[in-house]
């Protein structure tokens, strides 16, 4: 069974965050505003081959980040990390 949403949410700035994978295969962040009870989406990193199965959300120094396992034929496996700079509750 293909997973379409990550297992656990990350809580930050009064919002819950999950990684999701759209029907087209794009990894995105689903944000739930707990005060307004509203959902919205944030685009994930623009990286070919990014898959939900090898991607996790993390908190790093109070910032929302994404970790992903990257396979490169010339380098082997590596972990990449993206941090959402300037992320606010808007």
Protein backbone atom coordinates (compact mmCIF):
# COMPACT_ATOMS: atom_id res chain seq x y z
CA UNK A 1 0.00 0.00 0.00
CA UNK A 2 1.44 3.38 -1.00
CA UNK A 3 1.50 5.92 1.80
CA UNK A 4 0.11 9.36 0.98
CA UNK A 5 0.63 11.14 4.32
CA UNK A 6 3.46 10.98 6.85
CA UNK A 7 2.94 9.14 10.12
CA UNK A 8 3.29 11.96 12.65
CA UNK A 9 2.66 15.69 12.63
CA UNK A 10 5.18 18.33 13.69
CA UNK A 11 3.74 21.09 15.90
CA UNK A 12 5.14 24.58 15.33
CA UNK A 13 3.68 28.08 15.84
CA UNK A 14 0.19 26.76 16.62
CA UNK A 15 0.08 24.61 13.48
CA UNK A 16 0.37 20.90 12.78
CA UNK A 17 2.50 19.90 9.75
CA UNK A 18 2.45 16.65 7.79
CA UNK A 19 4.27 15.64 4.66
CA UNK A 20 1.93 14.44 1.95
CA UNK A 21 2.39 13.12 -1.55
CA UNK A 22 -0.05 14.34 -4.17
CA UNK A 23 -1.56 12.12 -6.85
CA UNK A 24 1.10 13.49 -9.23
CA UNK A 25 3.87 12.37 -6.85
CA UNK A 26 4.86 15.83 -5.59
CA UNK A 27 5.85 16.00 -1.90
CA UNK A 28 4.13 18.88 -0.08
CA UNK A 29 3.51 20.02 3.49
CA UNK A 30 -0.08 19.98 4.76
CA UNK A 31 -0.55 22.65 7.46
CA UNK A 32 -3.44 22.70 9.92
CA UNK A 33 -3.98 25.97 11.81
CA UNK A 34 -5.32 24.82 15.19
CA UNK A 35 -6.81 28.24 16.11
CA UNK A 36 -8.62 28.86 12.81
CA UNK A 37 -9.26 25.15 12.14
CA UNK A 38 -8.12 25.56 8.53
CA UNK A 39 -5.84 23.58 6.24
CA UNK A 40 -3.38 24.90 3.65
CA UNK A 41 -0.45 23.55 1.61
CA UNK A 42 3.22 24.52 1.33
CA UNK A 43 5.28 23.31 -1.61
CA UNK A 44 8.01 20.86 -0.72
CA UNK A 45 11.56 21.06 -2.06
CA UNK A 46 11.82 21.05 -5.84
CA UNK A 47 13.97 17.94 -6.14
CA UNK A 48 13.40 15.23 -8.74
CA UNK A 49 12.75 11.83 -7.21
CA UNK A 50 11.73 13.15 -3.78
CA UNK A 51 9.45 10.47 -2.28
CA UNK A 52 7.33 10.42 0.86
CA UNK A 53 8.68 7.00 1.84
CA UNK A 54 12.21 8.42 2.29
CA UNK A 55 11.28 11.90 3.60
CA UNK A 56 10.50 13.19 7.12
CA UNK A 57 9.67 16.53 8.73
CA UNK A 58 11.89 17.68 11.60
CA UNK A 59 12.35 20.64 13.92
CA UNK A 60 15.82 22.19 13.78
CA UNK A 61 16.57 25.17 16.04
CA UNK A 62 12.86 26.01 16.14
CA UNK A 63 12.55 25.87 12.33
CA UNK A 64 10.58 23.42 10.24
CA UNK A 65 12.82 21.23 8.12
CA UNK A 66 12.62 18.28 5.76
CA UNK A 67 15.07 15.37 5.72
CA UNK A 68 15.29 13.18 2.63
CA UNK A 69 17.32 10.16 1.68
CA UNK A 70 18.97 10.87 -1.66
CA UNK A 71 20.48 8.22 -3.89
CA UNK A 72 23.09 9.36 -6.36
CA UNK A 73 24.82 6.71 -8.49
CA UNK A 74 28.19 8.43 -8.19
CA UNK A 75 27.96 9.15 -4.42
CA UNK A 76 25.81 6.38 -2.97
CA UNK A 77 23.21 7.29 -0.34
CA UNK A 78 23.16 10.60 1.51
CA UNK A 79 20.71 12.56 3.66
CA UNK A 80 19.70 16.03 2.47
CA UNK A 81 18.06 18.65 4.69
CA UNK A 82 15.99 21.68 3.78
CA UNK A 83 14.94 24.31 6.34
CA UNK A 84 12.01 26.62 5.66
CA UNK A 85 13.57 30.03 6.30
CA UNK A 86 11.21 32.90 7.05
CA UNK A 87 8.31 30.52 7.71
CA UNK A 88 5.51 32.35 9.50
CA UNK A 89 1.93 31.55 10.41
CA UNK A 90 0.54 33.43 7.41
